[in-house]
PDB file of N, CA and C in Angstrom:
ATOM      1  N   MET A   1     -10.905   4.040 -34.076  1.00  0.00           N
ATOM      2  CA  MET A   1     -11.560   2.881 -33.505  1.00  0.00           C
ATOM      3  C   MET A   1     -12.651   3.366 -32.544  1.00  0.00           C
ATOM      4  N   ARG A   2     -13.770   2.772 -32.628  1.00  0.00           N
ATOM      5  CA  ARG A   2     -14.894   3.134 -31.766  1.00  0.00           C
ATOM      6  C   ARG A   2     -15.174   1.948 -30.854  1.00  0.00           C
ATOM      7  N   THR A   3     -15.284   2.206 -29.542  1.00  0.00           N
ATOM      8  CA  THR A   3     -15.532   1.130 -28.583  1.00  0.00           C
ATOM      9  C   THR A   3     -16.303   1.661 -27.391  1.00  0.00           C
ATOM     10  N   THR A   4     -16.904   0.768 -26.649  1.00  0.00           N
ATOM     11  CA  THR A   4     -17.603   1.141 -25.418  1.00  0.00           C
ATOM     12  C   THR A   4     -16.680   0.848 -24.255  1.00  0.00           C
ATOM     13  N   LEU A   5     -16.595   1.777 -23.352  1.00  0.00           N
ATOM     14  CA  LEU A   5     -15.686   1.659 -22.221  1.00  0.00           C
ATOM     15  C   LEU A   5     -16.460   1.888 -20.936  1.00  0.00           C
ATOM     16  N   THR A   6     -16.369   0.944 -20.006  1.00  0.00           N
ATOM     17  CA  THR A   6     -17.018   1.098 -18.704  1.00  0.00           C
ATOM     18  C   THR A   6     -15.947   1.479 -17.698  1.00  0.00           C
ATOM     19  N   LEU A   7     -16.126   2.630 -17.059  1.00  0.00           N
ATOM     20  CA  LEU A   7     -15.131   3.142 -16.115  1.00  0.00           C
ATOM     21  C   LEU A   7     -15.587   2.928 -14.681  1.00  0.00           C
ATOM     22  N   ASP A   8     -14.640   2.635 -13.816  1.00  0.00           N
ATOM     23  CA  ASP A   8     -14.934   2.591 -12.390  1.00  0.00           C
ATOM     24  C   ASP A   8     -15.239   4.017 -11.932  1.00  0.00           C
ATOM     25  N   PRO A   9     -16.056   4.166 -10.884  1.00  0.00           N
ATOM     26  CA  PRO A   9     -16.444   5.508 -10.439  1.00  0.00           C
ATOM     27  C   PRO A   9     -15.267   6.424 -10.097  1.00  0.00           C
ATOM     28  N   ASP A  10     -14.215   5.867  -9.470  1.00  0.00           N
ATOM     29  CA  ASP A  10     -13.076   6.714  -9.109  1.00  0.00           C
ATOM     30  C   ASP A  10     -12.325   7.203 -10.341  1.00  0.00           C
ATOM     31  N   VAL A  11     -12.205   6.359 -11.352  1.00  0.00           N
ATOM     32  CA  VAL A  11     -11.529   6.746 -12.593  1.00  0.00           C
ATOM     33  C   VAL A  11     -12.363   7.789 -13.330  1.00  0.00           C
ATOM     34  N   ALA A  12     -13.668   7.583 -13.381  1.00  0.00           N
ATOM     35  CA  ALA A  12     -14.547   8.543 -14.044  1.00  0.00           C
ATOM     36  C   ALA A  12     -14.475   9.914 -13.363  1.00  0.00           C
ATOM     37  N   ALA A  13     -14.417   9.914 -12.046  1.00  0.00           N
ATOM     38  CA  ALA A  13     -14.332  11.182 -11.311  1.00  0.00           C
ATOM     39  C   ALA A  13     -13.026  11.906 -11.614  1.00  0.00           C
ATOM     40  N   MET A  14     -11.930  11.162 -11.688  1.00  0.00           N
ATOM     41  CA  MET A  14     -10.635  11.783 -12.010  1.00  0.00           C
ATOM     42  C   MET A  14     -10.649  12.362 -13.416  1.00  0.00           C
ATOM     43  N   LEU A  15     -11.236  11.610 -14.361  1.00  0.00           N
ATOM     44  CA  LEU A  15     -11.306  12.106 -15.737  1.00  0.00           C
ATOM     45  C   LEU A  15     -12.180  13.350 -15.837  1.00  0.00           C
ATOM     46  N   GLU A  16     -13.302  13.359 -15.144  1.00  0.00           N
ATOM     47  CA  GLU A  16     -14.184  14.535 -15.171  1.00  0.00           C
ATOM     48  C   GLU A  16     -13.481  15.752 -14.582  1.00  0.00           C
ATOM     49  N   LYS A  17     -12.728  15.556 -13.513  1.00  0.00           N
ATOM     50  CA  LYS A  17     -11.997  16.662 -12.893  1.00  0.00           C
ATOM     51  C   LYS A  17     -10.946  17.208 -13.858  1.00  0.00           C
ATOM     52  N   LEU A  18     -10.180  16.307 -14.487  1.00  0.00           N
ATOM     53  CA  LEU A  18      -9.170  16.735 -15.454  1.00  0.00           C
ATOM     54  C   LEU A  18      -9.802  17.411 -16.662  1.00  0.00           C
ATOM     55  N   GLN A  19     -10.945  16.930 -17.065  1.00  0.00           N
ATOM     56  CA  GLN A  19     -11.659  17.507 -18.213  1.00  0.00           C
ATOM     57  C   GLN A  19     -12.026  18.962 -17.930  1.00  0.00           C
ATOM     58  N   ARG A  20     -12.503  19.227 -16.703  1.00  0.00           N
ATOM     59  CA  ARG A  20     -12.855  20.605 -16.325  1.00  0.00           C
ATOM     60  C   ARG A  20     -11.601  21.480 -16.230  1.00  0.00           C
ATOM     61  N   GLU A  21     -10.538  20.939 -15.637  1.00  0.00           N
ATOM     62  CA  GLU A  21      -9.312  21.723 -15.431  1.00  0.00           C
ATOM     63  C   GLU A  21      -8.599  22.053 -16.745  1.00  0.00           C
ATOM     64  N   ARG A  22      -8.561  21.090 -17.648  1.00  0.00           N
ATOM     65  CA  ARG A  22      -7.792  21.272 -18.881  1.00  0.00           C
ATOM     66  C   ARG A  22      -8.637  21.709 -20.074  1.00  0.00           C
ATOM     67  N   HIS A  23      -9.948  21.772 -19.891  1.00  0.00           N
ATOM     68  CA  HIS A  23     -10.864  22.190 -20.960  1.00  0.00           C
ATOM     69  C   HIS A  23     -10.662  21.343 -22.222  1.00  0.00           C
ATOM     70  N   LEU A  24     -10.628  20.019 -22.024  1.00  0.00           N
ATOM     71  CA  LEU A  24     -10.464  19.089 -23.138  1.00  0.00           C
ATOM     72  C   LEU A  24     -11.725  18.263 -23.311  1.00  0.00           C
ATOM     73  N   GLY A  25     -11.889  17.719 -24.501  1.00  0.00           N
ATOM     74  CA  GLY A  25     -12.986  16.792 -24.730  1.00  0.00           C
ATOM     75  C   GLY A  25     -12.653  15.453 -24.079  1.00  0.00           C
ATOM     76  N   PHE A  26     -13.701  14.674 -23.802  1.00  0.00           N
ATOM     77  CA  PHE A  26     -13.511  13.394 -23.122  1.00  0.00           C
ATOM     78  C   PHE A  26     -12.629  12.459 -23.946  1.00  0.00           C
ATOM     79  N   LYS A  27     -12.890  12.371 -25.242  1.00  0.00           N
ATOM     80  CA  LYS A  27     -12.116  11.496 -26.127  1.00  0.00           C
ATOM     81  C   LYS A  27     -10.641  11.883 -26.116  1.00  0.00           C
ATOM     82  N   GLU A  28     -10.373  13.164 -26.234  1.00  0.00           N
ATOM     83  CA  GLU A  28      -8.993  13.648 -26.262  1.00  0.00           C
ATOM     84  C   GLU A  28      -8.285  13.362 -24.938  1.00  0.00           C
ATOM     85  N   LEU A  29      -8.997  13.557 -23.838  1.00  0.00           N
ATOM     86  CA  LEU A  29      -8.412  13.327 -22.520  1.00  0.00           C
ATOM     87  C   LEU A  29      -8.082  11.855 -22.303  1.00  0.00           C
ATOM     88  N   VAL A  30      -8.998  10.971 -22.670  1.00  0.00           N
ATOM     89  CA  VAL A  30      -8.764   9.529 -22.509  1.00  0.00           C
ATOM     90  C   VAL A  30      -7.593   9.094 -23.389  1.00  0.00           C
ATOM     91  N   ASN A  31      -7.539   9.575 -24.622  1.00  0.00           N
ATOM     92  CA  ASN A  31      -6.418   9.232 -25.500  1.00  0.00           C
ATOM     93  C   ASN A  31      -5.086   9.729 -24.938  1.00  0.00           C
ATOM     94  N   ASP A  32      -5.059  10.958 -24.427  1.00  0.00           N
ATOM     95  CA  ASP A  32      -3.833  11.494 -23.821  1.00  0.00           C
ATOM     96  C   ASP A  32      -3.399  10.659 -22.617  1.00  0.00           C
ATOM     97  N   ALA A  33      -4.369  10.288 -21.773  1.00  0.00           N
ATOM     98  CA  ALA A  33      -4.056   9.492 -20.584  1.00  0.00           C
ATOM     99  C   ALA A  33      -3.500   8.124 -20.972  1.00  0.00           C
ATOM    100  N   LEU A  34      -4.101   7.497 -21.977  1.00  0.00           N
ATOM    101  CA  LEU A  34      -3.622   6.189 -22.420  1.00  0.00           C
ATOM    102  C   LEU A  34      -2.248   6.289 -23.074  1.00  0.00           C
ATOM    103  N   ARG A  35      -2.018   7.332 -23.855  1.00  0.00           N
ATOM    104  CA  ARG A  35      -0.695   7.521 -24.476  1.00  0.00           C
ATOM    105  C   ARG A  35       0.387   7.690 -23.416  1.00  0.00           C
ATOM    106  N   GLU A  36       0.052   8.371 -22.348  1.00  0.00           N
ATOM    107  CA  GLU A  36       1.027   8.604 -21.287  1.00  0.00           C
ATOM    108  C   GLU A  36       1.276   7.348 -20.453  1.00  0.00           C
ATOM    109  N   ALA A  37       0.231   6.566 -20.193  1.00  0.00           N
ATOM    110  CA  ALA A  37       0.345   5.431 -19.277  1.00  0.00           C
ATOM    111  C   ALA A  37       0.795   4.138 -19.942  1.00  0.00           C
ATOM    112  N   LEU A  38       0.385   3.888 -21.165  1.00  0.00           N
ATOM    113  CA  LEU A  38       0.655   2.595 -21.800  1.00  0.00           C
ATOM    114  C   LEU A  38       2.139   2.267 -21.976  1.00  0.00           C
ATOM    115  N   PRO A  39       2.994   3.196 -22.368  1.00  0.00           N
ATOM    116  CA  PRO A  39       4.414   2.831 -22.495  1.00  0.00           C
ATOM    117  C   PRO A  39       5.012   2.308 -21.179  1.00  0.00           C
ATOM    118  N   GLY A  40       4.617   2.868 -20.069  1.00  0.00           N
ATOM    119  CA  GLY A  40       5.120   2.397 -18.784  1.00  0.00           C
ATOM    120  C   GLY A  40       4.603   1.019 -18.419  1.00  0.00           C
ATOM    121  N   MET A  41       3.445   0.665 -18.963  1.00  0.00           N
ATOM    122  CA  MET A  41       2.871  -0.649 -18.657  1.00  0.00           C
ATOM    123  C   MET A  41       3.509  -1.752 -19.492  1.00  0.00           C
ATOM    124  N   THR A  42       4.145  -1.412 -20.609  1.00  0.00           N
ATOM    125  CA  THR A  42       4.758  -2.428 -21.455  1.00  0.00           C
ATOM    126  C   THR A  42       6.194  -2.728 -21.057  1.00  0.00           C
ATOM    127  N   GLU A  43       6.800  -1.861 -20.262  1.00  0.00           N
ATOM    128  CA  GLU A  43       8.162  -2.101 -19.797  1.00  0.00           C
ATOM    129  C   GLU A  43       8.148  -3.163 -18.697  1.00  0.00           C
ATOM    130  N   PRO A  44       9.207  -3.965 -18.621  1.00  0.00           N
ATOM    131  CA  PRO A  44       9.251  -4.940 -17.527  1.00  0.00           C
ATOM    132  C   PRO A  44       9.366  -4.209 -16.188  1.00  0.00           C
ATOM    133  N   PRO A  45       8.777  -4.770 -15.137  1.00  0.00           N
ATOM    134  CA  PRO A  45       8.846  -4.101 -13.835  1.00  0.00           C
ATOM    135  C   PRO A  45      10.287  -3.999 -13.356  1.00  0.00           C
ATOM    136  N   ARG A  46      10.586  -2.879 -12.698  1.00  0.00           N
ATOM    137  CA  ARG A  46      11.935  -2.689 -12.161  1.00  0.00           C
ATOM    138  C   ARG A  46      12.145  -3.639 -10.992  1.00  0.00           C
ATOM    139  N   SER A  47      13.328  -4.200 -10.926  1.00  0.00           N
ATOM    140  CA  SER A  47      13.619  -5.078  -9.794  1.00  0.00           C
ATOM    141  C   SER A  47      13.935  -4.210  -8.575  1.00  0.00           C
ATOM    142  N   ARG A  48      13.437  -4.650  -7.451  1.00  0.00           N
ATOM    143  CA  ARG A  48      13.661  -3.904  -6.220  1.00  0.00           C
ATOM    144  C   ARG A  48      14.789  -4.543  -5.423  1.00  0.00           C
ATOM    145  N   LYS A  49      15.533  -3.715  -4.736  1.00  0.00           N
ATOM    146  CA  LYS A  49      16.590  -4.214  -3.868  1.00  0.00           C
ATOM    147  C   LYS A  49      15.941  -4.908  -2.678  1.00  0.00           C
ATOM    148  N   ARG A  50      16.420  -6.085  -2.375  1.00  0.00           N
ATOM    149  CA  ARG A  50      15.847  -6.865  -1.287  1.00  0.00           C
ATOM    150  C   ARG A  50      16.120  -6.173   0.045  1.00  0.00           C
ATOM    151  N   PHE A  51      15.086  -6.045   0.862  1.00  0.00           N
ATOM    152  CA  PHE A  51      15.219  -5.411   2.170  1.00  0.00           C
ATOM    153  C   PHE A  51      15.571  -6.472   3.194  1.00  0.00           C
ATOM    154  N   ARG A  52      16.602  -6.234   3.969  1.00  0.00           N
ATOM    155  CA  ARG A  52      17.024  -7.183   4.980  1.00  0.00           C
ATOM    156  C   ARG A  52      17.078  -6.492   6.332  1.00  0.00           C
ATOM    157  N   THR A  53      16.613  -7.191   7.339  1.00  0.00           N
ATOM    158  CA  THR A  53      16.674  -6.691   8.709  1.00  0.00           C
ATOM    159  C   THR A  53      17.725  -7.490   9.465  1.00  0.00           C
ATOM    160  N   GLU A  54      18.658  -6.793  10.053  1.00  0.00           N
ATOM    161  CA  GLU A  54      19.695  -7.466  10.813  1.00  0.00           C
ATOM    162  C   GLU A  54      19.108  -7.998  12.116  1.00  0.00           C
ATOM    163  N   THR A  55      19.554  -9.155  12.523  1.00  0.00           N
ATOM    164  CA  THR A  55      19.087  -9.741  13.773  1.00  0.00           C
ATOM    165  C   THR A  55      20.082  -9.437  14.888  1.00  0.00           C
ATOM    166  N   VAL A  56      19.566  -9.364  16.084  1.00  0.00           N
ATOM    167  CA  VAL A  56      20.416  -9.162  17.254  1.00  0.00           C
ATOM    168  C   VAL A  56      19.969 -10.129  18.344  1.00  0.00           C
ATOM    169  N   SER A  57      20.896 -10.486  19.181  1.00  0.00           N
ATOM    170  CA  SER A  57      20.567 -11.366  20.295  1.00  0.00           C
ATOM    171  C   SER A  57      20.148 -10.508  21.482  1.00  0.00           C
ATOM    172  N   LEU A  58      19.006 -10.797  22.042  1.00  0.00           N
ATOM    173  CA  LEU A  58      18.523 -10.060  23.203  1.00  0.00           C
ATOM    174  C   LEU A  58      18.842 -10.787  24.504  1.00  0.00           C
ATOM    175  N   GLY A  59      19.540 -11.889  24.383  1.00  0.00           N
ATOM    176  CA  GLY A  59      19.881 -12.653  25.574  1.00  0.00           C
ATOM    177  C   GLY A  59      18.727 -13.536  26.001  1.00  0.00           C
ATOM    178  N   ARG A  60      18.898 -14.124  27.153  1.00  0.00           N
ATOM    179  CA  ARG A  60      17.853 -15.028  27.623  1.00  0.00           C
ATOM    180  C   ARG A  60      16.667 -14.229  28.147  1.00  0.00           C
ATOM    181  N   CYS A  61      15.522 -14.850  28.175  1.00  0.00           N
ATOM    182  CA  CYS A  61      14.302 -14.204  28.658  1.00  0.00           C
ATOM    183  C   CYS A  61      14.366 -14.087  30.177  1.00  0.00           C
ATOM    184  N   LEU A  62      14.201 -12.894  30.692  1.00  0.00           N
ATOM    185  CA  LEU A  62      14.310 -12.664  32.128  1.00  0.00           C
ATOM    186  C   LEU A  62      13.024 -12.998  32.878  1.00  0.00           C
ATOM    187  N   VAL A  63      11.949 -13.190  32.169  1.00  0.00           N
ATOM    188  CA  VAL A  63      10.660 -13.441  32.793  1.00  0.00           C
ATOM    189  C   VAL A  63      10.433 -14.934  33.023  1.00  0.00           C
ATOM    190  N   GLY A  64      11.121 -15.740  32.298  1.00  0.00           N
ATOM    191  CA  GLY A  64      10.852 -17.166  32.366  1.00  0.00           C
ATOM    192  C   GLY A  64       9.987 -17.532  31.185  1.00  0.00           C
ATOM    193  N   SER A  65       8.794 -18.035  31.420  1.00  0.00           N
ATOM    194  CA  SER A  65       7.886 -18.412  30.348  1.00  0.00           C
ATOM    195  C   SER A  65       6.880 -17.289  30.095  1.00  0.00           C
ATOM    196  N   LEU A  66       6.724 -16.936  28.846  1.00  0.00           N
ATOM    197  CA  LEU A  66       5.727 -15.926  28.485  1.00  0.00           C
ATOM    198  C   LEU A  66       4.397 -16.560  28.102  1.00  0.00           C
ATOM    199  N   ASP A  67       4.296 -17.876  28.244  1.00  0.00           N
ATOM    200  CA  ASP A  67       3.054 -18.568  27.923  1.00  0.00           C
ATOM    201  C   ASP A  67       1.945 -18.186  28.890  1.00  0.00           C
ATOM    202  N   ASP A  68       2.292 -17.934  30.138  1.00  0.00           N
ATOM    203  CA  ASP A  68       1.307 -17.539  31.149  1.00  0.00           C
ATOM    204  C   ASP A  68       1.353 -16.024  31.283  1.00  0.00           C
ATOM    205  N   VAL A  69       0.463 -15.336  30.577  1.00  0.00           N
ATOM    206  CA  VAL A  69       0.467 -13.871  30.539  1.00  0.00           C
ATOM    207  C   VAL A  69       0.219 -13.291  31.928  1.00  0.00           C
ATOM    208  N   THR A  70      -0.663 -13.907  32.696  1.00  0.00           N
ATOM    209  CA  THR A  70      -0.960 -13.407  34.033  1.00  0.00           C
ATOM    210  C   THR A  70       0.282 -13.429  34.907  1.00  0.00           C
ATOM    211  N   ALA A  71       1.051 -14.488  34.846  1.00  0.00           N
ATOM    212  CA  ALA A  71       2.272 -14.585  35.641  1.00  0.00           C
ATOM    213  C   ALA A  71       3.300 -13.561  35.177  1.00  0.00           C
ATOM    214  N   ALA A  72       3.415 -13.359  33.846  1.00  0.00           N
ATOM    215  CA  ALA A  72       4.373 -12.383  33.328  1.00  0.00           C
ATOM    216  C   ALA A  72       3.998 -10.975  33.757  1.00  0.00           C
ATOM    217  N   LEU A  73       2.701 -10.636  33.718  1.00  0.00           N
ATOM    218  CA  LEU A  73       2.264  -9.303  34.148  1.00  0.00           C
ATOM    219  C   LEU A  73       2.435  -9.129  35.650  1.00  0.00           C
ATOM    220  N   ALA A  74       2.169 -10.168  36.398  1.00  0.00           N
ATOM    221  CA  ALA A  74       2.347 -10.085  37.853  1.00  0.00           C
ATOM    222  C   ALA A  74       3.805  -9.854  38.192  1.00  0.00           C
ATOM    223  N   LEU A  75       4.707 -10.498  37.467  1.00  0.00           N
ATOM    224  CA  LEU A  75       6.142 -10.309  37.692  1.00  0.00           C
ATOM    225  C   LEU A  75       6.552  -8.901  37.293  1.00  0.00           C
ATOM    226  N   ALA A  76       6.040  -8.397  36.172  1.00  0.00           N
ATOM    227  CA  ALA A  76       6.412  -7.077  35.688  1.00  0.00           C
ATOM    228  C   ALA A  76       5.805  -5.950  36.511  1.00  0.00           C
ATOM    229  N   GLU A  77       4.545  -6.106  36.944  1.00  0.00           N
ATOM    230  CA  GLU A  77       3.843  -5.021  37.616  1.00  0.00           C
ATOM    231  C   GLU A  77       3.688  -5.253  39.113  1.00  0.00           C
ATOM    232  N   GLY A  78       4.133  -6.374  39.581  1.00  0.00           N
ATOM    233  CA  GLY A  78       3.985  -6.675  41.002  1.00  0.00           C
ATOM    234  C   GLY A  78       2.690  -7.427  41.241  1.00  0.00           C
ATOM    235  N   GLU A  79       2.528  -7.923  42.415  1.00  0.00           N
ATOM    236  CA  GLU A  79       1.378  -8.748  42.751  1.00  0.00           C
ATOM    237  C   GLU A  79       0.074  -7.942  42.756  1.00  0.00           C
ATOM    238  N   ARG A  80       0.121  -6.627  42.788  1.00  0.00           N
ATOM    239  CA  ARG A  80      -1.104  -5.829  42.776  1.00  0.00           C
ATOM    240  C   ARG A  80      -1.890  -6.010  41.483  1.00  0.00           C
ATOM    241  N   PHE A  81      -1.221  -6.534  40.442  1.00  0.00           N
ATOM    242  CA  PHE A  81      -1.892  -6.780  39.167  1.00  0.00           C
ATOM    243  C   PHE A  81      -3.010  -7.802  39.317  1.00  0.00           C
ATOM    244  N   ARG A  82      -2.755  -8.844  40.106  1.00  0.00           N
ATOM    245  CA  ARG A  82      -3.734  -9.925  40.248  1.00  0.00           C
ATOM    246  C   ARG A  82      -4.885  -9.453  41.013  1.00  0.00           C
TER     247      ARG A  82
END
């Protein structure tokens, strides 16, 4: 089969590098790459184990309201902050 293929620059660079390293023709290299990659693309994606983060209670807020950042910093760093 003969076809025209437009490659992204990063893919073309990888193919050119492999072509130099393996001393293969471009056609042979592209066919080898497709033979290796295509079977993995036809398989259904593997299911991943759901990641869960355990929650912990930190108790009540010791600062009061964190809505007023200036007041929270003044309480944490002392009045010299203001």
